[in-house]
Amino acid sequence: MTNARIAGIASYLPDDILDNDMLSKMVDTNDEWITTRVGIKERRILKKPVGSSYMGIIAVQRLLESTGVNPDDIDLVICPTSNPDYRFPSTASVITYGVGLKHCYAYDIQAACAGFLVGCNDAAAYVRSGMYKNVIVVCTEKMSSMVNYEDRSTCPLFGDGAAAVLIQPTDEPGMGIIDAVLHVDGMGLEYLVMPAGGSAYPFCQEALDQKKHLLFQDGRHVYKHAVTDMFTSTVDVMRRNHLTVDDIAYVVPHQANLRIIEAVADKAGVPMDKVLVNIQHTGNTSAASIPICLDEYKDRLKKGDKIILTAFGAGFTWGAMYLVWDM
């Protein structure tokens, strides 16, 4: 039976760096406080007056160059993002135009920080069905566009970035995207949300004055649910596929908070030398965090490595994916 595999990966991080010392001049915080609580030393910021599509276009261009795939052969582009250029049209359509993709369909999905898992799961389903042979999942997040830089509890967390993967069919047994466990629970709405800007609370002067158009997070509730849900979904996907910790080469978690990552690894019994982490210099790039991390460590990955991806985000939306590396 045909399966789907990650056949290529590329990423983009903006040049401008916002480190903790620079941030401490903007809000009441300091390097020790940030490093101790979330493990972040710096994050990249897209200062150009452009949207998330700018980074997504570069990531897709790099992906096409590295894989050598003809742009005319791309069938579908899926763009997981919480920071679309516009409410409409889709950021995926902007990216396809910017790259020069003329023969594909494209759409956005909104699954917050779990967007890469959801996008890859969708892409794999298209490929397994035989409908498409070349699907790009491009996650691009200009998180700085929604951050309140007067809120010391949230502004140190987030950075900007993008990454793209090429999903193609494989007939090699036991390779590629094997399984995924995905969940959503709408009870998380009040704890992680951008209150204004949608149809429930359109932009108005009151919303702007109260900064309701920016991200709100109740860190304590998010932390508790993130640890529990990333752990349980990781264990579930391993059990379903008869995997032990010894079988797993690496776990690649969503890069939200180093303490969350360490807590999930500890509960799952996974040593930290098997956990890929780059949050120190990227911050939380939402849906883009896992593929950016995979791209950074791709030279360490070997064909046949069994890898678990796990993420948690607004919605609440969370899950885990089991894949066997095939690059």
C-alpha atoms as a PDB file:
ATOM      1  CA  MET A   1       0.000   0.000   0.000  1.00  0.00           C
ATOM      2  CA  THR A   2       1.347   3.440  -0.915  1.00  0.00           C
ATOM      3  CA  ASN A   3       2.284   5.591   2.054  1.00  0.00           C
ATOM      4  CA  ALA A   4       3.389   9.228   2.354  1.00  0.00           C
ATOM      5  CA  ARG A   5       6.845  10.433   3.346  1.00  0.00           C
ATOM      6  CA  ILE A   6       8.641  13.700   4.001  1.00  0.00           C
ATOM      7  CA  ALA A   7      10.817  13.970   0.892  1.00  0.00           C
ATOM      8  CA  GLY A   8      12.329  17.404   1.554  1.00  0.00           C
ATOM      9  CA  ILE A   9      12.456  20.180   4.131  1.00  0.00           C
ATOM     10  CA  ALA A  10      13.550  23.820   4.246  1.00  0.00           C
ATOM     11  CA  SER A  11      13.084  26.775   6.577  1.00  0.00           C
ATOM     12  CA  TYR A  12      13.563  30.513   6.917  1.00  0.00           C
ATOM     13  CA  LEU A  13      14.284  32.693   9.933  1.00  0.00           C
ATOM     14  CA  PRO A  14      14.415  36.497   9.689  1.00  0.00           C
ATOM     15  CA  ASP A  15      17.791  38.193  10.112  1.00  0.00           C
ATOM     16  CA  ASP A  16      16.782  40.520  12.965  1.00  0.00           C
ATOM     17  CA  ILE A  17      17.341  39.144  16.469  1.00  0.00           C
ATOM     18  CA  LEU A  18      15.518  40.277  19.599  1.00  0.00           C
ATOM     19  CA  ASP A  19      17.489  38.947  22.554  1.00  0.00           C
ATOM     20  CA  ASN A  20      16.523  39.019  26.212  1.00  0.00           C
ATOM     21  CA  ASP A  21      18.652  42.055  27.034  1.00  0.00           C
ATOM     22  CA  MET A  22      17.005  44.019  24.232  1.00  0.00           C
ATOM     23  CA  LEU A  23      13.583  42.874  25.418  1.00  0.00           C
ATOM     24  CA  SER A  24      14.345  44.012  28.974  1.00  0.00           C
ATOM     25  CA  LYS A  25      14.572  47.577  27.652  1.00  0.00           C
ATOM     26  CA  MET A  26      11.023  47.269  26.284  1.00  0.00           C
ATOM     27  CA  VAL A  27       9.247  45.646  29.229  1.00  0.00           C
ATOM     28  CA  ASP A  28       9.930  44.875  32.891  1.00  0.00           C
ATOM     29  CA  THR A  29      11.871  41.623  32.552  1.00  0.00           C
ATOM     30  CA  ASN A  30      15.447  40.339  32.414  1.00  0.00           C
ATOM     31  CA  ASP A  31      17.526  37.576  30.881  1.00  0.00           C
ATOM     32  CA  GLU A  32      17.630  35.450  34.040  1.00  0.00           C
ATOM     33  CA  TRP A  33      13.850  35.561  34.502  1.00  0.00           C
ATOM     34  CA  ILE A  34      13.148  34.566  30.899  1.00  0.00           C
ATOM     35  CA  THR A  35      15.859  31.897  30.660  1.00  0.00           C
ATOM     36  CA  THR A  36      14.868  30.282  33.965  1.00  0.00           C
ATOM     37  CA  ARG A  37      11.163  30.126  33.174  1.00  0.00           C
ATOM     38  CA  VAL A  38      11.003  29.359  29.466  1.00  0.00           C
ATOM     39  CA  GLY A  39      14.558  28.609  28.277  1.00  0.00           C
ATOM     40  CA  ILE A  40      14.608  31.272  25.557  1.00  0.00           C
ATOM     41  CA  LYS A  41      17.639  33.509  24.976  1.00  0.00           C
ATOM     42  CA  GLU A  42      16.604  35.159  21.706  1.00  0.00           C
ATOM     43  CA  ARG A  43      14.012  35.094  18.968  1.00  0.00           C
ATOM     44  CA  ARG A  44      13.884  36.252  15.328  1.00  0.00           C
ATOM     45  CA  ILE A  45      11.620  39.136  14.337  1.00  0.00           C
ATOM     46  CA  LEU A  46      10.404  39.997  10.833  1.00  0.00           C
ATOM     47  CA  LYS A  47      10.736  43.776  10.844  1.00  0.00           C
ATOM     48  CA  LYS A  48       9.865  44.255   7.185  1.00  0.00           C
ATOM     49  CA  PRO A  49       6.358  45.685   6.571  1.00  0.00           C
ATOM     50  CA  VAL A  50       5.209  42.376   5.083  1.00  0.00           C
ATOM     51  CA  GLY A  51       3.018  39.473   6.139  1.00  0.00           C
ATOM     52  CA  SER A  52       3.694  35.859   7.004  1.00  0.00           C
ATOM     53  CA  SER A  53       3.598  34.937   3.314  1.00  0.00           C
ATOM     54  CA  TYR A  54       6.984  36.634   2.824  1.00  0.00           C
ATOM     55  CA  MET A  55       8.676  33.979   4.965  1.00  0.00           C
ATOM     56  CA  GLY A  56       6.562  31.178   3.544  1.00  0.00           C
ATOM     57  CA  ILE A  57       7.553  32.103  -0.014  1.00  0.00           C
ATOM     58  CA  ILE A  58      11.245  31.926   0.865  1.00  0.00           C
ATOM     59  CA  ALA A  59      10.825  28.592   2.658  1.00  0.00           C
ATOM     60  CA  VAL A  60       8.994  27.069  -0.331  1.00  0.00           C
ATOM     61  CA  GLN A  61      11.556  28.439  -2.785  1.00  0.00           C
ATOM     62  CA  ARG A  62      14.332  26.846  -0.732  1.00  0.00           C
ATOM     63  CA  LEU A  63      12.383  23.588  -0.602  1.00  0.00           C
ATOM     64  CA  LEU A  64      11.964  23.467  -4.374  1.00  0.00           C
ATOM     65  CA  GLU A  65      15.631  24.285  -4.919  1.00  0.00           C
ATOM     66  CA  SER A  66      16.845  21.615  -2.500  1.00  0.00           C
ATOM     67  CA  THR A  67      14.571  18.868  -3.833  1.00  0.00           C
ATOM     68  CA  GLY A  68      14.797  19.753  -7.522  1.00  0.00           C
ATOM     69  CA  VAL A  69      11.045  19.255  -7.954  1.00  0.00           C
ATOM     70  CA  ASN A  70       9.527  21.058 -10.927  1.00  0.00           C
ATOM     71  CA  PRO A  71       7.150  23.758  -9.617  1.00  0.00           C
ATOM     72  CA  ASP A  72       4.627  22.692 -12.272  1.00  0.00           C
ATOM     73  CA  ASP A  73       4.439  19.266 -10.599  1.00  0.00           C
ATOM     74  CA  ILE A  74       3.217  20.599  -7.252  1.00  0.00           C
ATOM     75  CA  ASP A  75      -0.407  19.499  -6.774  1.00  0.00           C
ATOM     76  CA  LEU A  76      -1.359  21.130  -3.484  1.00  0.00           C
ATOM     77  CA  VAL A  77      -0.063  23.660  -0.948  1.00  0.00           C
ATOM     78  CA  ILE A  78      -1.393  23.522   2.621  1.00  0.00           C
ATOM     79  CA  CYS A  79      -0.531  26.470   4.859  1.00  0.00           C
ATOM     80  CA  PRO A  80      -1.014  26.062   8.615  1.00  0.00           C
ATOM     81  CA  THR A  81      -0.822  29.551  10.157  1.00  0.00           C
ATOM     82  CA  SER A  82      -2.299  31.628  12.960  1.00  0.00           C
ATOM     83  CA  ASN A  83      -0.967  34.793  11.324  1.00  0.00           C
ATOM     84  CA  PRO A  84      -2.483  34.972   7.851  1.00  0.00           C
ATOM     85  CA  ASP A  85      -1.680  37.987   5.722  1.00  0.00           C
ATOM     86  CA  TYR A  86      -5.402  38.726   5.460  1.00  0.00           C
ATOM     87  CA  ARG A  87      -8.692  37.305   6.672  1.00  0.00           C
ATOM     88  CA  PHE A  88      -9.097  36.531   2.990  1.00  0.00           C
ATOM     89  CA  PRO A  89      -7.695  35.532   0.575  1.00  0.00           C
ATOM     90  CA  SER A  90      -5.753  32.604   1.987  1.00  0.00           C
ATOM     91  CA  THR A  91      -2.071  32.985   2.750  1.00  0.00           C
ATOM     92  CA  ALA A  92      -1.546  29.755   0.807  1.00  0.00           C
ATOM     93  CA  SER A  93      -2.819  31.496  -2.324  1.00  0.00           C
ATOM     94  CA  VAL A  94      -0.446  34.419  -1.729  1.00  0.00           C
ATOM     95  CA  ILE A  95       2.480  32.006  -1.325  1.00  0.00           C
ATOM     96  CA  THR A  96       1.678  30.023  -4.463  1.00  0.00           C
ATOM     97  CA  TYR A  97       1.513  33.241  -6.479  1.00  0.00           C
ATOM     98  CA  GLY A  98       4.763  34.506  -4.969  1.00  0.00           C
ATOM     99  CA  VAL A  99       6.581  31.274  -5.763  1.00  0.00           C
ATOM    100  CA  GLY A 100       5.055  30.965  -9.238  1.00  0.00           C
ATOM    101  CA  LEU A 101       3.116  27.750  -8.712  1.00  0.00           C
ATOM    102  CA  LYS A 102       0.570  27.659 -11.519  1.00  0.00           C
ATOM    103  CA  HIS A 103      -0.959  24.190 -11.442  1.00  0.00           C
ATOM    104  CA  CYS A 104      -1.876  23.520  -7.819  1.00  0.00           C
ATOM    105  CA  TYR A 105      -4.687  24.011  -5.365  1.00  0.00           C
ATOM    106  CA  ALA A 106      -3.937  25.771  -2.065  1.00  0.00           C
ATOM    107  CA  TYR A 107      -5.632  26.479   1.239  1.00  0.00           C
ATOM    108  CA  ASP A 108      -4.932  27.537   4.834  1.00  0.00           C
ATOM    109  CA  ILE A 109      -5.700  25.585   7.985  1.00  0.00           C
ATOM    110  CA  GLN A 110      -6.010  26.919  11.522  1.00  0.00           C
ATOM    111  CA  ALA A 111      -4.779  24.468  14.139  1.00  0.00           C
ATOM    112  CA  ALA A 112      -2.555  26.898  16.055  1.00  0.00           C
ATOM    113  CA  CYS A 113       0.700  25.384  17.331  1.00  0.00           C
ATOM    114  CA  ALA A 114      -0.398  21.888  16.269  1.00  0.00           C
ATOM    115  CA  GLY A 115      -0.753  23.074  12.671  1.00  0.00           C
ATOM    116  CA  PHE A 116       2.235  21.171  11.299  1.00  0.00           C
ATOM    117  CA  LEU A 117       0.896  17.849  12.575  1.00  0.00           C
ATOM    118  CA  VAL A 118      -2.570  18.540  11.189  1.00  0.00           C
ATOM    119  CA  GLY A 119      -1.190  19.764   7.854  1.00  0.00           C
ATOM    120  CA  CYS A 120       1.054  16.726   7.429  1.00  0.00           C
ATOM    121  CA  ASN A 121      -1.760  14.377   8.385  1.00  0.00           C
ATOM    122  CA  ASP A 122      -3.993  15.968   5.730  1.00  0.00           C
ATOM    123  CA  ALA A 123      -1.204  15.862   3.141  1.00  0.00           C
ATOM    124  CA  ALA A 124      -0.513  12.197   3.879  1.00  0.00           C
ATOM    125  CA  ALA A 125      -4.183  11.348   3.392  1.00  0.00           C
ATOM    126  CA  TYR A 126      -4.222  13.007  -0.046  1.00  0.00           C
ATOM    127  CA  VAL A 127      -1.066  11.139  -1.074  1.00  0.00           C
ATOM    128  CA  ARG A 128      -2.232   7.745   0.242  1.00  0.00           C
ATOM    129  CA  SER A 129      -5.524   8.148  -1.623  1.00  0.00           C
ATOM    130  CA  GLY A 130      -3.678   8.674  -4.894  1.00  0.00           C
ATOM    131  CA  MET A 131      -5.285  12.076  -5.428  1.00  0.00           C
ATOM    132  CA  TYR A 132      -1.975  13.980  -5.269  1.00  0.00           C
ATOM    133  CA  LYS A 133       1.718  13.090  -5.596  1.00  0.00           C
ATOM    134  CA  ASN A 134       3.461  16.311  -4.567  1.00  0.00           C
ATOM    135  CA  VAL A 135       2.053  18.210  -1.598  1.00  0.00           C
ATOM    136  CA  ILE A 136       3.779  21.085   0.192  1.00  0.00           C
ATOM    137  CA  VAL A 137       2.975  21.874   3.807  1.00  0.00           C
ATOM    138  CA  VAL A 138       4.294  25.357   4.594  1.00  0.00           C
ATOM    139  CA  CYS A 139       3.960  26.725   8.120  1.00  0.00           C
ATOM    140  CA  THR A 140       4.646  30.440   8.416  1.00  0.00           C
ATOM    141  CA  GLU A 141       4.108  32.566  11.500  1.00  0.00           C
ATOM    142  CA  LYS A 142       4.738  36.275  12.048  1.00  0.00           C
ATOM    143  CA  MET A 143       4.035  35.919  15.751  1.00  0.00           C
ATOM    144  CA  SER A 144       5.375  39.423  16.431  1.00  0.00           C
ATOM    145  CA  SER A 145       2.275  40.772  14.679  1.00  0.00           C
ATOM    146  CA  MET A 146       0.008  39.484  17.473  1.00  0.00           C
ATOM    147  CA  VAL A 147       2.253  39.874  20.525  1.00  0.00           C
ATOM    148  CA  ASN A 148       1.566  42.511  23.175  1.00  0.00           C
ATOM    149  CA  TYR A 149       5.014  43.903  23.948  1.00  0.00           C
ATOM    150  CA  GLU A 150       3.664  45.451  27.150  1.00  0.00           C
ATOM    151  CA  ASP A 151       2.763  42.016  28.571  1.00  0.00           C
ATOM    152  CA  ARG A 152       5.879  40.657  30.296  1.00  0.00           C
ATOM    153  CA  SER A 153       4.333  37.209  30.692  1.00  0.00           C
ATOM    154  CA  THR A 154       3.847  36.541  26.967  1.00  0.00           C
ATOM    155  CA  CYS A 155       6.083  38.814  24.882  1.00  0.00           C
ATOM    156  CA  PRO A 156       9.325  36.898  25.668  1.00  0.00           C
ATOM    157  CA  LEU A 157       7.849  33.674  24.320  1.00  0.00           C
ATOM    158  CA  PHE A 158       7.315  34.240  20.622  1.00  0.00           C
ATOM    159  CA  GLY A 159       9.390  34.589  17.482  1.00  0.00           C
ATOM    160  CA  ASP A 160       8.858  34.642  13.723  1.00  0.00           C
ATOM    161  CA  GLY A 161       9.764  31.980  11.178  1.00  0.00           C
ATOM    162  CA  ALA A 162       8.632  29.577   8.475  1.00  0.00           C
ATOM    163  CA  ALA A 163       9.324  26.061   7.246  1.00  0.00           C
ATOM    164  CA  ALA A 164       8.085  23.864   4.431  1.00  0.00           C
ATOM    165  CA  VAL A 165       8.095  20.136   3.740  1.00  0.00           C
ATOM    166  CA  LEU A 166       7.419  18.154   0.579  1.00  0.00           C
ATOM    167  CA  ILE A 167       5.127  15.155   1.039  1.00  0.00           C
ATOM    168  CA  GLN A 168       5.407  12.450  -1.633  1.00  0.00           C
ATOM    169  CA  PRO A 169       4.326   8.809  -2.018  1.00  0.00           C
ATOM    170  CA  THR A 170       6.538   5.874  -1.072  1.00  0.00           C
ATOM    171  CA  ASP A 171       6.115   2.153  -1.682  1.00  0.00           C
ATOM    172  CA  GLU A 172       8.896   1.200   0.721  1.00  0.00           C
ATOM    173  CA  PRO A 173       7.343  -0.735   3.613  1.00  0.00           C
ATOM    174  CA  GLY A 174       7.508   0.828   7.057  1.00  0.00           C
ATOM    175  CA  MET A 175       8.734   4.231   5.887  1.00  0.00           C
ATOM    176  CA  GLY A 176       7.184   7.673   6.032  1.00  0.00           C
ATOM    177  CA  ILE A 177       4.295   9.089   8.052  1.00  0.00           C
ATOM    178  CA  ILE A 178       2.942   6.055   9.887  1.00  0.00           C
ATOM    179  CA  ASP A 179       0.309   7.280  12.334  1.00  0.00           C
ATOM    180  CA  ALA A 180      -1.088  10.325  14.123  1.00  0.00           C
ATOM    181  CA  VAL A 181      -3.239  10.970  17.179  1.00  0.00           C
ATOM    182  CA  LEU A 182      -5.020  14.343  17.039  1.00  0.00           C
ATOM    183  CA  HIS A 183      -7.444  15.968  19.481  1.00  0.00           C
ATOM    184  CA  VAL A 184      -9.347  19.189  20.076  1.00  0.00           C
ATOM    185  CA  ASP A 185     -11.224  20.479  23.125  1.00  0.00           C
ATOM    186  CA  GLY A 186     -12.931  23.847  22.839  1.00  0.00           C
ATOM    187  CA  MET A 187     -12.799  24.399  26.604  1.00  0.00           C
ATOM    188  CA  GLY A 188      -9.405  25.994  25.990  1.00  0.00           C
ATOM    189  CA  LEU A 189     -10.886  29.074  24.298  1.00  0.00           C
ATOM    190  CA  GLU A 190     -10.723  31.369  27.324  1.00  0.00           C
ATOM    191  CA  TYR A 191      -7.115  30.478  28.152  1.00  0.00           C
ATOM    192  CA  LEU A 192      -5.408  31.079  24.805  1.00  0.00           C
ATOM    193  CA  VAL A 193      -7.055  33.412  22.329  1.00  0.00           C
ATOM    194  CA  MET A 194      -6.883  36.605  20.305  1.00  0.00           C
ATOM    195  CA  PRO A 195     -10.206  38.071  21.497  1.00  0.00           C
ATOM    196  CA  ALA A 196     -10.829  40.709  18.828  1.00  0.00           C
ATOM    197  CA  GLY A 197     -10.660  40.718  15.056  1.00  0.00           C
ATOM    198  CA  GLY A 198     -13.124  37.973  14.234  1.00  0.00           C
ATOM    199  CA  SER A 199     -16.867  37.978  13.774  1.00  0.00           C
ATOM    200  CA  ALA A 200     -17.462  37.416  17.505  1.00  0.00           C
ATOM    201  CA  TYR A 201     -15.694  40.671  18.417  1.00  0.00           C
ATOM    202  CA  PRO A 202     -14.886  42.783  15.337  1.00  0.00           C
ATOM    203  CA  PHE A 203     -12.190  45.424  15.455  1.00  0.00           C
ATOM    204  CA  CYS A 204     -13.355  48.636  17.116  1.00  0.00           C
ATOM    205  CA  GLN A 205     -11.779  51.443  19.089  1.00  0.00           C
ATOM    206  CA  GLU A 206     -12.581  49.756  22.398  1.00  0.00           C
ATOM    207  CA  ALA A 207     -10.830  46.560  21.275  1.00  0.00           C
ATOM    208  CA  LEU A 208      -7.764  48.518  20.194  1.00  0.00           C
ATOM    209  CA  ASP A 209      -7.646  50.555  23.401  1.00  0.00           C
ATOM    210  CA  GLN A 210      -7.826  47.393  25.499  1.00  0.00           C
ATOM    211  CA  LYS A 211      -5.385  45.529  23.218  1.00  0.00           C
ATOM    212  CA  LYS A 212      -7.930  42.821  22.582  1.00  0.00           C
ATOM    213  CA  HIS A 213      -6.523  42.494  19.056  1.00  0.00           C
ATOM    214  CA  LEU A 214      -3.391  40.906  20.516  1.00  0.00           C
ATOM    215  CA  LEU A 215      -2.674  37.449  21.919  1.00  0.00           C
ATOM    216  CA  PHE A 216      -3.916  36.563  25.398  1.00  0.00           C
ATOM    217  CA  GLN A 217      -2.610  33.532  27.302  1.00  0.00           C
ATOM    218  CA  ASP A 218      -3.292  32.222  30.775  1.00  0.00           C
ATOM    219  CA  GLY A 219       0.109  30.628  31.206  1.00  0.00           C
ATOM    220  CA  ARG A 220      -0.726  28.447  34.201  1.00  0.00           C
ATOM    221  CA  HIS A 221      -3.669  26.702  32.552  1.00  0.00           C
ATOM    222  CA  VAL A 222      -1.854  26.336  29.234  1.00  0.00           C
ATOM    223  CA  TYR A 223       1.220  24.845  30.920  1.00  0.00           C
ATOM    224  CA  LYS A 224      -0.830  22.243  32.803  1.00  0.00           C
ATOM    225  CA  HIS A 225      -2.809  21.108  29.768  1.00  0.00           C
ATOM    226  CA  ALA A 226       0.194  21.200  27.430  1.00  0.00           C
ATOM    227  CA  VAL A 227       2.240  18.858  29.617  1.00  0.00           C
ATOM    228  CA  THR A 228      -0.624  16.424  30.183  1.00  0.00           C
ATOM    229  CA  ASP A 229      -1.888  16.368  26.602  1.00  0.00           C
ATOM    230  CA  MET A 230       1.481  16.207  24.836  1.00  0.00           C
ATOM    231  CA  PHE A 231       2.469  13.362  27.170  1.00  0.00           C
ATOM    232  CA  THR A 232      -0.725  11.340  26.727  1.00  0.00           C
ATOM    233  CA  SER A 233      -0.798  11.727  22.933  1.00  0.00           C
ATOM    234  CA  THR A 234       2.872  10.734  22.719  1.00  0.00           C
ATOM    235  CA  VAL A 235       2.256   7.620  24.795  1.00  0.00           C
ATOM    236  CA  ASP A 236      -0.906   6.815  22.823  1.00  0.00           C
ATOM    237  CA  VAL A 237       0.792   6.909  19.421  1.00  0.00           C
ATOM    238  CA  MET A 238       3.688   4.821  20.745  1.00  0.00           C
ATOM    239  CA  ARG A 239       1.347   2.200  22.210  1.00  0.00           C
ATOM    240  CA  ARG A 240      -0.690   2.012  19.019  1.00  0.00           C
ATOM    241  CA  ASN A 241       2.474   1.247  17.102  1.00  0.00           C
ATOM    242  CA  HIS A 242       4.069  -1.062  19.711  1.00  0.00           C
ATOM    243  CA  LEU A 243       7.006   1.293  20.306  1.00  0.00           C
ATOM    244  CA  THR A 244       9.200   1.610  23.362  1.00  0.00           C
ATOM    245  CA  VAL A 245      11.465   4.508  24.262  1.00  0.00           C
ATOM    246  CA  ASP A 246      14.402   2.400  23.081  1.00  0.00           C
ATOM    247  CA  ASP A 247      12.832   2.171  19.604  1.00  0.00           C
ATOM    248  CA  ILE A 248      12.588   5.940  19.248  1.00  0.00           C
ATOM    249  CA  ALA A 249      15.529   7.834  17.801  1.00  0.00           C
ATOM    250  CA  TYR A 250      14.149  11.298  18.588  1.00  0.00           C
ATOM    251  CA  VAL A 251      11.166  13.149  19.948  1.00  0.00           C
ATOM    252  CA  VAL A 252      10.562  16.558  18.346  1.00  0.00           C
ATOM    253  CA  PRO A 253       8.157  18.602  20.484  1.00  0.00           C
ATOM    254  CA  HIS A 254       6.549  21.926  19.739  1.00  0.00           C
ATOM    255  CA  GLN A 255       9.023  24.555  20.940  1.00  0.00           C
ATOM    256  CA  ALA A 256       6.800  26.512  23.336  1.00  0.00           C
ATOM    257  CA  ASN A 257       8.587  26.421  26.667  1.00  0.00           C
ATOM    258  CA  LEU A 258      11.661  24.441  27.732  1.00  0.00           C
ATOM    259  CA  ARG A 259      10.022  23.526  31.040  1.00  0.00           C
ATOM    260  CA  ILE A 260       7.059  22.016  29.183  1.00  0.00           C
ATOM    261  CA  ILE A 261       9.411  20.060  26.914  1.00  0.00           C
ATOM    262  CA  GLU A 262      11.410  18.742  29.871  1.00  0.00           C
ATOM    263  CA  ALA A 263       8.264  17.836  31.828  1.00  0.00           C
ATOM    264  CA  VAL A 264       6.784  15.892  28.891  1.00  0.00           C
ATOM    265  CA  ALA A 265      10.066  14.043  28.319  1.00  0.00           C
ATOM    266  CA  ASP A 266      10.352  13.184  32.002  1.00  0.00           C
ATOM    267  CA  LYS A 267       6.783  11.834  32.237  1.00  0.00           C
ATOM    268  CA  ALA A 268       7.304   9.774  29.081  1.00  0.00           C
ATOM    269  CA  GLY A 269      10.663   8.444  30.268  1.00  0.00           C
ATOM    270  CA  VAL A 270      12.491   9.903  27.264  1.00  0.00           C
ATOM    271  CA  PRO A 271      16.057  11.096  27.995  1.00  0.00           C
ATOM    272  CA  MET A 272      16.719  14.671  26.903  1.00  0.00           C
ATOM    273  CA  ASP A 273      19.500  13.547  24.557  1.00  0.00           C
ATOM    274  CA  LYS A 274      16.693  12.068  22.436  1.00  0.00           C
ATOM    275  CA  VAL A 275      14.689  15.319  22.442  1.00  0.00           C
ATOM    276  CA  LEU A 276      15.454  17.886  19.733  1.00  0.00           C
ATOM    277  CA  VAL A 277      15.333  21.443  21.076  1.00  0.00           C
ATOM    278  CA  ASN A 278      16.104  24.791  19.442  1.00  0.00           C
ATOM    279  CA  ILE A 279      13.827  27.088  21.433  1.00  0.00           C
ATOM    280  CA  GLN A 280      16.847  28.887  22.871  1.00  0.00           C
ATOM    281  CA  HIS A 281      17.365  30.880  19.677  1.00  0.00           C
ATOM    282  CA  THR A 282      13.962  30.713  17.970  1.00  0.00           C
ATOM    283  CA  GLY A 283      11.347  31.152  20.674  1.00  0.00           C
ATOM    284  CA  ASN A 284       7.865  29.817  20.018  1.00  0.00           C
ATOM    285  CA  THR A 285       7.121  30.020  16.281  1.00  0.00           C
ATOM    286  CA  SER A 286       3.748  28.268  16.643  1.00  0.00           C
ATOM    287  CA  ALA A 287       2.960  25.910  13.739  1.00  0.00           C
ATOM    288  CA  ALA A 288       6.423  26.473  12.250  1.00  0.00           C
ATOM    289  CA  SER A 289       8.348  25.356  15.339  1.00  0.00           C
ATOM    290  CA  ILE A 290       8.523  21.598  14.693  1.00  0.00           C
ATOM    291  CA  PRO A 291       9.558  21.802  11.009  1.00  0.00           C
ATOM    292  CA  ILE A 292      12.085  24.562  11.771  1.00  0.00           C
ATOM    293  CA  CYS A 293      13.579  22.277  14.426  1.00  0.00           C
ATOM    294  CA  LEU A 294      13.578  19.287  12.062  1.00  0.00           C
ATOM    295  CA  ASP A 295      15.335  21.326   9.391  1.00  0.00           C
ATOM    296  CA  GLU A 296      17.964  22.521  11.853  1.00  0.00           C
ATOM    297  CA  TYR A 297      18.749  18.948  12.931  1.00  0.00           C
ATOM    298  CA  LYS A 298      18.242  17.187   9.577  1.00  0.00           C
ATOM    299  CA  ASP A 299      21.942  16.352   9.206  1.00  0.00           C
ATOM    300  CA  ARG A 300      21.674  14.339  12.421  1.00  0.00           C
ATOM    301  CA  LEU A 301      18.679  12.341  11.198  1.00  0.00           C
ATOM    302  CA  LYS A 302      19.244   9.053   9.372  1.00  0.00           C
ATOM    303  CA  LYS A 303      16.991   7.081   7.067  1.00  0.00           C
ATOM    304  CA  GLY A 304      14.995   4.668   9.182  1.00  0.00           C
ATOM    305  CA  ASP A 305      15.044   6.793  12.347  1.00  0.00           C
ATOM    306  CA  LYS A 306      11.774   6.443  14.233  1.00  0.00           C
ATOM    307  CA  ILE A 307      10.592   9.892  15.296  1.00  0.00           C
ATOM    308  CA  ILE A 308       7.715  11.163  17.421  1.00  0.00           C
ATOM    309  CA  LEU A 309       6.398  14.687  16.872  1.00  0.00           C
ATOM    310  CA  THR A 310       4.113  16.223  19.480  1.00  0.00           C
ATOM    311  CA  ALA A 311       2.424  19.604  19.853  1.00  0.00           C
ATOM    312  CA  PHE A 312      -0.173  21.543  21.819  1.00  0.00           C
ATOM    313  CA  GLY A 313      -1.829  24.837  20.992  1.00  0.00           C
ATOM    314  CA  ALA A 314      -4.887  27.072  21.104  1.00  0.00           C
ATOM    315  CA  GLY A 315      -8.221  25.424  20.657  1.00  0.00           C
ATOM    316  CA  PHE A 316      -7.079  23.497  22.672  1.00  0.00           C
ATOM    317  CA  THR A 317      -5.644  21.468  19.794  1.00  0.00           C
ATOM    318  CA  TRP A 318      -2.973  18.827  20.347  1.00  0.00           C
ATOM    319  CA  GLY A 319      -1.583  15.508  19.253  1.00  0.00           C
ATOM    320  CA  ALA A 320       1.381  13.364  18.262  1.00  0.00           C
ATOM    321  CA  MET A 321       2.669  11.861  15.026  1.00  0.00           C
ATOM    322  CA  TYR A 322       4.874   8.837  14.380  1.00  0.00           C
ATOM    323  CA  LEU A 323       7.069   8.910  11.305  1.00  0.00           C
ATOM    324  CA  VAL A 324      10.037   6.968  10.008  1.00  0.00           C
ATOM    325  CA  TRP A 325      12.578   9.312   8.463  1.00  0.00           C
ATOM    326  CA  ASP A 326      13.058   8.697   4.750  1.00  0.00           C
ATOM    327  CA  MET A 327      15.490  11.307   3.465  1.00  0.00           C
END
